[in-house]
């Protein structure tokens, strides 16, 4: 998939896309505004549709482009090879001349189109971004069967040198594994279709460090709720006492609040400003309004119930910008209270540990959090619930002491 971009020097829009393994940039005379951008995007959609249908004529769209001649040379070379193959005698002996394997860029376009029906919109955006920013620049013009294991490992080394988020010197092992995972899917499918040995074979994922959670104590939770800005007190009350994911609470709509049954219906999540289906089927669940949650939502309804379909929103009725809330509300509050800086996602871990430490059934807790089983609960939270799991040795000491 291509992109509509704007040249900084002229302020005019241009199209940036791949065709036949060639990165093509075609300038327009249109200035960057909403109307013109929509027009250029529609043109790009027509181009991509014709590419998928193998019905794209470059000269028809861009007759005076320098890229047209380059594309024509590639097509002519491919046509000559096909003519040679057709001229060979048709016998039972397999010919040593084969149809050329497509380039990485050509195959990626087809692969991405075929996979798009399987993925959520957010995952589509992530894969598209990875293709455009890293994979296509690295492998775009290479024939698939000429990509080597060394090429793949060098690509991983280059990616590992990219600075990470939150001040980290490099990308995390998890991020690198995710990026390489997309590359592996492409090479697996391509090698299967075109019959070449997959160079990704025996490349193992990087070992990931164990991530330690940092939940808040109940005392700290109360301290936060007493001191947070009044317009965010209900928001953080619901976060701390439901364990909802960030996208789930930011995308929560009034239509999914059942005050009669005292339930929050988790049906959608907010990603990049758009609501879509939850992370997986297990995330579709009903959360009881426990403790102060019911009162918080009742009070919130009086505040935002008439101005927005979203439970928590800004003054314009739009969903919260989580990055903005984190930087302007969450982190300053933690600094003011003298608490260690922790990501807002720790509110979910806090809810889990409070549920379990109070003696709630682990299966019930797993359902409330949207986990498919209790395995993750005991794997992640066991050290916070010694009285429930008896994993501190006290049961054995009592047995020996009684004897």
Protein backbone atom coordinates (compact mmCIF):
# COMPACT_ATOMS: atom_id res chain seq x y z
CA UNK A 1 0.00 0.00 0.00
CA UNK A 2 1.29 3.43 -0.94
CA UNK A 3 1.03 6.76 0.81
CA UNK A 4 -0.02 10.29 -0.01
CA UNK A 5 2.73 12.63 1.16
CA UNK A 6 3.50 16.34 0.94
CA UNK A 7 6.74 17.95 -0.22
CA UNK A 8 7.99 20.41 2.38
CA UNK A 9 9.58 22.66 -0.24
CA UNK A 10 6.41 23.18 -2.29
CA UNK A 11 3.57 22.15 0.01
CA UNK A 12 2.17 20.00 -2.81
CA UNK A 13 0.99 16.41 -2.60
CA UNK A 14 2.69 13.43 -4.20
CA UNK A 15 2.05 9.67 -4.36
CA UNK A 16 4.62 7.24 -2.97
CA UNK A 17 4.13 3.56 -3.87
CA UNK A 18 5.90 0.39 -5.02
CA UNK A 19 5.35 -1.25 -8.40
CA UNK A 20 7.39 -4.10 -9.95
CA UNK A 21 9.90 -3.74 -7.13
CA UNK A 22 10.47 -0.06 -7.93
CA UNK A 23 9.68 2.70 -5.49
CA UNK A 24 7.68 5.26 -7.44
CA UNK A 25 7.06 8.86 -6.43
CA UNK A 26 4.72 10.88 -8.63
CA UNK A 27 4.24 14.59 -8.05
CA UNK A 28 0.89 16.39 -8.33
CA UNK A 29 0.12 20.10 -8.65
CA UNK A 30 -2.38 19.98 -5.79
CA UNK A 31 -1.72 21.80 -2.54
CA UNK A 32 -2.09 19.97 0.77
CA UNK A 33 -5.64 20.41 2.01
CA UNK A 34 -8.46 18.02 2.96
CA UNK A 35 -10.23 18.18 -0.40
CA UNK A 36 -7.09 17.66 -2.50
CA UNK A 37 -5.75 14.95 -0.21
CA UNK A 38 -9.00 13.01 -0.57
CA UNK A 39 -8.78 13.33 -4.35
CA UNK A 40 -5.19 12.03 -4.44
CA UNK A 41 -6.05 9.19 -2.03
CA UNK A 42 -8.83 8.09 -4.38
CA UNK A 43 -6.35 8.08 -7.27
CA UNK A 44 -3.95 5.97 -5.21
CA UNK A 45 -6.74 3.50 -4.40
CA UNK A 46 -7.49 3.10 -8.12
CA UNK A 47 -3.82 2.47 -8.82
CA UNK A 48 -3.50 -0.14 -6.08
CA UNK A 49 -6.67 -1.91 -7.19
CA UNK A 50 -5.30 -2.21 -10.73
CA UNK A 51 -1.95 -3.47 -9.39
CA UNK A 52 -3.70 -6.21 -7.44
CA UNK A 53 -5.70 -7.19 -10.57
CA UNK A 54 -2.51 -7.08 -12.68
CA UNK A 55 -4.20 -4.47 -14.87
CA UNK A 56 -2.03 -1.44 -14.12
CA UNK A 57 -0.58 0.48 -17.06
CA UNK A 58 1.97 2.96 -15.73
CA UNK A 59 2.05 5.11 -18.87
CA UNK A 60 -1.72 5.45 -18.79
CA UNK A 61 -1.63 7.14 -15.38
CA UNK A 62 1.72 8.93 -15.67
CA UNK A 63 2.59 9.29 -19.40
CA UNK A 64 5.45 11.77 -18.90
CA UNK A 65 7.01 10.07 -15.89
CA UNK A 66 10.63 8.87 -15.92
CA UNK A 67 9.46 5.83 -13.95
CA UNK A 68 7.33 4.69 -16.89
CA UNK A 69 10.43 3.87 -18.95
CA UNK A 70 12.01 2.00 -16.04
CA UNK A 71 8.85 -0.08 -15.55
CA UNK A 72 8.65 -0.77 -19.30
CA UNK A 73 12.20 -2.21 -19.25
CA UNK A 74 11.29 -4.56 -16.39
CA UNK A 75 8.15 -5.72 -18.18
CA UNK A 76 10.06 -6.22 -21.43
CA UNK A 77 12.69 -8.35 -19.67
CA UNK A 78 9.97 -10.44 -18.04
CA UNK A 79 8.21 -10.82 -21.40
CA UNK A 80 11.40 -12.02 -23.07
CA UNK A 81 11.90 -14.69 -20.41
CA UNK A 82 8.32 -15.91 -20.79
CA UNK A 83 8.83 -16.14 -24.57
CA UNK A 84 11.91 -18.33 -24.02
CA UNK A 85 9.95 -20.63 -21.75
CA UNK A 86 7.07 -20.92 -24.23
CA UNK A 87 9.51 -21.83 -27.05
CA UNK A 88 10.91 -24.83 -25.18
CA UNK A 89 9.70 -28.30 -26.31
CA UNK A 90 6.86 -29.63 -24.17
CA UNK A 91 8.25 -32.88 -22.84
CA UNK A 92 8.10 -34.83 -19.64
CA UNK A 93 11.47 -33.41 -18.62
CA UNK A 94 11.15 -30.38 -16.37
CA UNK A 95 12.74 -27.32 -17.97
CA UNK A 96 15.66 -25.70 -16.23
CA UNK A 97 14.31 -22.29 -17.19
CA UNK A 98 11.65 -21.04 -14.75
CA UNK A 99 9.40 -18.03 -14.59
CA UNK A 100 11.20 -15.31 -12.64
CA UNK A 101 10.48 -15.21 -8.92
CA UNK A 102 8.84 -11.88 -8.01
CA UNK A 103 10.64 -9.25 -6.01
CA UNK A 104 10.00 -8.83 -2.32
CA UNK A 105 7.99 -5.64 -2.98
CA UNK A 106 5.78 -7.26 -5.61
CA UNK A 107 4.99 -10.24 -3.43
CA UNK A 108 4.39 -8.07 -0.33
CA UNK A 109 1.66 -6.16 -2.12
CA UNK A 110 -0.16 -9.39 -2.95
CA UNK A 111 0.49 -10.93 0.47
CA UNK A 112 -0.72 -7.83 2.34
CA UNK A 113 -3.91 -7.68 0.27
CA UNK A 114 -4.64 -11.36 0.90
CA UNK A 115 -3.99 -11.12 4.65
CA UNK A 116 -5.96 -7.91 5.16
CA UNK A 117 -9.23 -9.79 5.54
CA UNK A 118 -7.81 -11.71 8.53
CA UNK A 119 -6.53 -8.81 10.65
CA UNK A 120 -7.93 -6.02 12.78
CA UNK A 121 -7.58 -2.48 11.44
CA UNK A 122 -4.92 -1.64 14.05
CA UNK A 123 -2.80 -4.66 13.10
CA UNK A 124 -3.16 -3.76 9.43
CA UNK A 125 -1.81 -0.29 10.18
CA UNK A 126 1.11 -1.71 12.16
CA UNK A 127 2.11 -4.19 9.44
CA UNK A 128 1.70 -1.55 6.73
CA UNK A 129 3.88 0.85 8.69
CA UNK A 130 6.57 -1.82 9.17
CA UNK A 131 6.52 -2.68 5.47
CA UNK A 132 6.86 0.94 4.34
CA UNK A 133 9.40 2.07 6.92
CA UNK A 134 11.71 -0.95 7.17
CA UNK A 135 11.03 -4.10 5.13
CA UNK A 136 10.47 -2.60 1.67
CA UNK A 137 13.46 -0.23 1.87
CA UNK A 138 15.64 -3.17 2.96
CA UNK A 139 14.42 -5.91 0.58
CA UNK A 140 12.03 -4.25 -1.89
CA UNK A 141 13.92 -4.71 -5.16
CA UNK A 142 15.43 -8.11 -4.32
CA UNK A 143 14.01 -11.25 -5.95
CA UNK A 144 12.62 -13.41 -3.16
CA UNK A 145 14.78 -16.42 -3.96
CA UNK A 146 17.97 -14.31 -3.72
CA UNK A 147 17.39 -13.15 -0.16
CA UNK A 148 19.83 -15.00 2.10
CA UNK A 149 19.94 -15.86 5.76
CA UNK A 150 22.79 -13.38 6.10
CA UNK A 151 20.54 -10.64 4.68
CA UNK A 152 17.89 -11.42 7.29
CA UNK A 153 20.32 -11.43 10.19
CA UNK A 154 21.92 -8.17 9.00
CA UNK A 155 18.47 -6.61 8.86
CA UNK A 156 17.86 -7.66 12.48
CA UNK A 157 21.19 -6.10 13.49
CA UNK A 158 20.25 -2.84 11.80
CA UNK A 159 16.88 -2.81 13.55
CA UNK A 160 18.54 -3.56 16.89
CA UNK A 161 20.55 -0.33 16.56
CA UNK A 162 17.40 1.83 16.43
CA UNK A 163 16.77 3.78 19.67
CA UNK A 164 13.87 2.44 21.72
CA UNK A 165 11.04 4.20 23.53
CA UNK A 166 11.12 5.81 26.97
CA UNK A 167 14.83 6.57 26.73
CA UNK A 168 15.92 2.99 25.99
CA UNK A 169 19.13 2.80 23.95
CA UNK A 170 17.76 0.14 21.58
CA UNK A 171 14.54 -1.57 20.60
CA UNK A 172 13.40 -4.29 22.99
CA UNK A 173 13.76 -7.98 22.16
CA UNK A 174 9.96 -8.21 22.01
CA UNK A 175 9.75 -5.46 19.38
CA UNK A 176 12.53 -7.02 17.32
CA UNK A 177 10.85 -10.43 17.49
CA UNK A 178 7.55 -8.90 16.36
CA UNK A 179 9.20 -7.21 13.38
CA UNK A 180 11.09 -10.32 12.41
CA UNK A 181 7.88 -12.31 12.84
CA UNK A 182 6.25 -10.36 10.00
CA UNK A 183 9.31 -10.97 7.83
CA UNK A 184 9.16 -14.66 8.64
CA UNK A 185 5.48 -14.88 7.64
CA UNK A 186 6.32 -13.32 4.28
CA UNK A 187 9.26 -15.62 3.60
CA UNK A 188 7.35 -18.73 4.74
CA UNK A 189 4.52 -18.00 2.34
CA UNK A 190 6.79 -16.99 -0.54
CA UNK A 191 9.04 -20.06 -0.27
CA UNK A 192 5.97 -22.30 -0.17
CA UNK A 193 4.48 -20.72 -3.29
CA UNK A 194 7.61 -20.42 -5.41
CA UNK A 195 9.48 -23.50 -4.29
CA UNK A 196 12.77 -22.08 -3.00
CA UNK A 197 14.53 -22.90 0.26
CA UNK A 198 13.37 -20.58 3.01
CA UNK A 199 16.37 -18.57 4.30
CA UNK A 200 14.55 -17.88 7.56
CA UNK A 201 14.93 -21.52 8.58
CA UNK A 202 16.63 -21.97 11.98
CA UNK A 203 16.59 -18.26 12.89
CA UNK A 204 15.41 -18.28 16.48
CA UNK A 205 13.70 -15.39 18.24
CA UNK A 206 15.69 -13.36 20.73
CA UNK A 207 15.32 -14.22 24.39
CA UNK A 208 13.15 -11.70 26.20
CA UNK A 209 13.79 -10.42 29.68
CA UNK A 210 11.15 -11.14 32.27
CA UNK A 211 8.96 -8.10 32.80
CA UNK A 212 8.26 -7.33 36.45
CA UNK A 213 4.98 -5.68 37.34
CA UNK A 214 4.77 -2.79 39.81
CA UNK A 215 1.21 -2.61 41.15
CA UNK A 216 0.16 0.05 43.63
CA UNK A 217 -0.84 -0.80 47.18
CA UNK A 218 -4.34 0.01 48.35
CA UNK A 219 -2.90 2.86 50.43
CA UNK A 220 -1.22 4.30 47.33
CA UNK A 221 -4.41 3.88 45.29
CA UNK A 222 -6.39 5.87 47.84
CA UNK A 223 -3.67 8.51 47.93
CA UNK A 224 -3.82 8.87 44.14
CA UNK A 225 -7.61 9.11 44.03
CA UNK A 226 -7.66 11.71 46.81
CA UNK A 227 -5.16 13.96 45.03
CA UNK A 228 -5.86 13.52 41.31
CA UNK A 229 -7.60 16.31 39.41
CA UNK A 230 -11.34 16.22 40.09
CA UNK A 231 -12.21 15.78 36.41
CA UNK A 232 -10.10 12.60 36.26
CA UNK A 233 -11.04 11.07 39.64
CA UNK A 234 -13.87 8.94 38.22
CA UNK A 235 -11.65 7.83 35.33
CA UNK A 236 -8.90 6.50 37.57
CA UNK A 237 -11.40 5.03 40.03
CA UNK A 238 -12.78 2.86 37.25
CA UNK A 239 -9.28 1.95 36.04
CA UNK A 240 -8.06 0.90 39.49
CA UNK A 241 -11.12 -1.15 40.46
CA UNK A 242 -12.00 -2.90 37.18
CA UNK A 243 -8.62 -3.77 35.66
CA UNK A 244 -9.75 -2.59 32.22
CA UNK A 245 -7.07 -2.17 29.56
CA UNK A 246 -6.25 1.38 28.47
CA UNK A 247 -7.94 1.03 25.08
CA UNK A 248 -11.00 -0.58 26.68
CA UNK A 249 -11.67 2.22 29.14
CA UNK A 250 -10.77 5.01 26.71
CA UNK A 251 -13.15 3.52 24.14
CA UNK A 252 -15.93 2.77 26.64
CA UNK A 253 -19.32 4.11 25.49
CA UNK A 254 -22.47 4.77 27.47
CA UNK A 255 -24.36 2.16 25.47
CA UNK A 256 -22.20 -0.48 27.16
CA UNK A 257 -22.95 0.66 30.72
CA UNK A 258 -25.74 -1.40 32.31
CA UNK A 259 -26.66 0.44 35.50
CA UNK A 260 -29.61 -1.85 36.16
CA UNK A 261 -27.41 -4.99 36.36
CA UNK A 262 -24.40 -2.99 37.55
CA UNK A 263 -22.21 -4.25 34.74
CA UNK A 264 -19.68 -2.77 32.30
CA UNK A 265 -19.89 -4.54 28.94
CA UNK A 266 -16.50 -4.69 27.26
CA UNK A 267 -17.22 -4.82 23.53
CA UNK A 268 -14.75 -2.42 21.90
CA UNK A 269 -11.29 -0.95 22.31
CA UNK A 270 -9.86 2.40 21.23
CA UNK A 271 -6.74 2.28 19.07
CA UNK A 272 -5.24 5.33 17.34
CA UNK A 273 -8.43 7.29 17.96
CA UNK A 274 -10.75 4.68 16.45
CA UNK A 275 -12.89 2.05 18.18
CA UNK A 276 -12.72 -1.52 16.95
CA UNK A 277 -13.24 -5.09 18.14
CA UNK A 278 -11.44 -6.05 21.33
CA UNK A 279 -8.01 -7.68 21.49
CA UNK A 280 -9.57 -11.16 21.13
CA UNK A 281 -12.82 -13.01 21.84
CA UNK A 282 -11.78 -13.63 25.45
CA UNK A 283 -11.67 -9.88 25.99
CA UNK A 284 -15.42 -9.66 25.33
CA UNK A 285 -16.75 -9.77 28.89
CA UNK A 286 -18.95 -8.25 31.58
CA UNK A 287 -17.27 -6.51 34.52
CA UNK A 288 -19.24 -5.97 37.74
CA UNK A 289 -19.33 -2.45 39.17
CA UNK A 290 -17.63 -3.17 42.46
CA UNK A 291 -17.00 -0.82 45.37
CA UNK A 292 -16.86 2.82 44.25
CA UNK A 293 -17.13 2.04 40.52
CA UNK A 294 -20.93 2.32 40.38
CA UNK A 295 -20.92 5.67 42.18
CA UNK A 296 -18.10 6.96 39.95
CA UNK A 297 -19.98 6.07 36.76
CA UNK A 298 -23.24 7.56 38.04
CA UNK A 299 -21.43 10.83 38.76
CA UNK A 300 -19.64 10.67 35.41
CA UNK A 301 -22.98 10.30 33.59
CA UNK A 302 -24.07 13.64 34.99
CA UNK A 303 -20.85 15.15 33.62
CA UNK A 304 -20.49 13.65 30.13
CA UNK A 305 -23.64 11.62 29.53
CA UNK A 306 -25.24 14.33 27.38
CA UNK A 307 -22.23 15.61 25.48
CA UNK A 308 -20.60 12.44 24.17
CA UNK A 309 -21.20 8.76 23.39
CA UNK A 310 -17.92 8.13 25.25
CA UNK A 311 -17.97 7.77 29.04
CA UNK A 312 -14.63 9.55 29.42
CA UNK A 313 -13.96 12.33 26.94
CA UNK A 314 -12.48 15.79 26.48
CA UNK A 315 -14.46 19.05 26.45
CA UNK A 316 -15.29 18.51 22.76
CA UNK A 317 -16.88 15.13 23.49
CA UNK A 318 -14.06 13.22 21.77
CA UNK A 319 -12.22 10.24 23.30
CA UNK A 320 -9.27 11.00 25.55
CA UNK A 321 -5.81 11.30 24.02
CA UNK A 322 -4.00 8.82 26.26
CA UNK A 323 -0.53 10.17 25.47
CA UNK A 324 -1.66 13.64 26.47
CA UNK A 325 -3.38 12.42 29.67
CA UNK A 326 -0.31 10.42 30.69
CA UNK A 327 2.09 13.34 30.27
CA UNK A 328 -0.12 16.09 31.67
CA UNK A 329 -2.05 14.30 34.42
CA UNK A 330 -0.64 10.88 35.36
CA UNK A 331 3.13 11.42 35.57
CA UNK A 332 2.91 14.88 37.23
CA UNK A 333 0.59 13.40 39.88
CA UNK A 334 3.02 10.57 40.67
CA UNK A 335 5.87 13.07 41.00
CA UNK A 336 3.77 15.30 43.26
CA UNK A 337 2.99 12.33 45.53
CA UNK A 338 6.58 11.12 45.57
CA UNK A 339 5.66 7.80 43.94
CA UNK A 340 7.89 5.98 41.47
CA UNK A 341 7.00 6.68 37.84
CA UNK A 342 4.93 3.82 36.47
CA UNK A 343 2.96 3.42 33.28
CA UNK A 344 -0.84 3.82 33.55
CA UNK A 345 -1.16 0.13 32.60
CA UNK A 346 -0.07 -0.67 36.17
CA UNK A 347 -3.64 0.19 37.21
CA UNK A 348 -4.68 -3.10 35.58
CA UNK A 349 -2.02 -5.02 37.50
CA UNK A 350 -3.15 -3.26 40.67
CA UNK A 351 -6.74 -4.42 40.21
CA UNK A 352 -5.58 -8.00 39.63
CA UNK A 353 -3.45 -8.09 42.79
CA UNK A 354 -6.19 -6.50 44.90
CA UNK A 355 -8.78 -9.01 43.65
CA UNK A 356 -6.54 -11.97 44.38
CA UNK A 357 -5.17 -10.73 47.70
CA UNK A 358 -8.73 -10.26 48.96
CA UNK A 359 -9.39 -13.97 48.36
CA UNK A 360 -11.47 -13.85 45.17
CA UNK A 361 -11.62 -17.02 43.11
CA UNK A 362 -8.83 -16.96 40.47
CA UNK A 363 -11.19 -18.17 37.75
CA UNK A 364 -13.52 -15.26 38.46
CA UNK A 365 -10.60 -12.84 38.43
CA UNK A 366 -9.41 -14.23 35.08
CA UNK A 367 -12.87 -13.67 33.57
CA UNK A 368 -13.04 -10.09 34.88
CA UNK A 369 -9.62 -9.30 33.40
CA UNK A 370 -10.40 -10.98 30.09
CA UNK A 371 -7.88 -13.85 30.37
CA UNK A 372 -8.75 -17.19 28.79
CA UNK A 373 -7.33 -19.14 31.75
CA UNK A 374 -5.84 -18.70 35.22
CA UNK A 375 -2.34 -19.61 34.01
CA UNK A 376 -1.26 -16.00 33.55
CA UNK A 377 -2.63 -15.01 36.94
CA UNK A 378 -0.38 -17.42 38.79
CA UNK A 379 2.54 -16.76 36.46
CA UNK A 380 2.44 -12.98 36.82
CA UNK A 381 0.82 -12.28 40.19
CA UNK A 382 1.69 -15.24 42.43
CA UNK A 383 4.15 -13.36 44.65
CA UNK A 384 1.48 -10.82 45.54
CA UNK A 385 -0.96 -13.42 46.87
CA UNK A 386 0.92 -15.63 49.37
CA UNK A 387 -2.16 -16.17 51.56
CA UNK A 388 -4.13 -17.51 48.63
CA UNK A 389 -1.55 -19.65 46.84
CA UNK A 390 0.45 -20.80 49.87
CA UNK A 391 3.64 -20.45 47.88
CA UNK A 392 5.61 -18.89 50.75
CA UNK A 393 6.35 -22.17 52.56
CA UNK A 394 4.04 -21.42 55.51
CA UNK A 395 1.88 -24.49 54.89
CA UNK A 396 4.94 -26.75 55.08
CA UNK A 397 6.18 -25.02 58.24
CA UNK A 398 2.79 -25.48 59.90
CA UNK A 399 2.84 -29.17 58.99
CA UNK A 400 6.33 -29.71 60.40
CA UNK A 401 5.57 -27.59 63.47
CA UNK A 402 2.44 -29.61 64.26
CA UNK A 403 4.40 -32.84 64.11
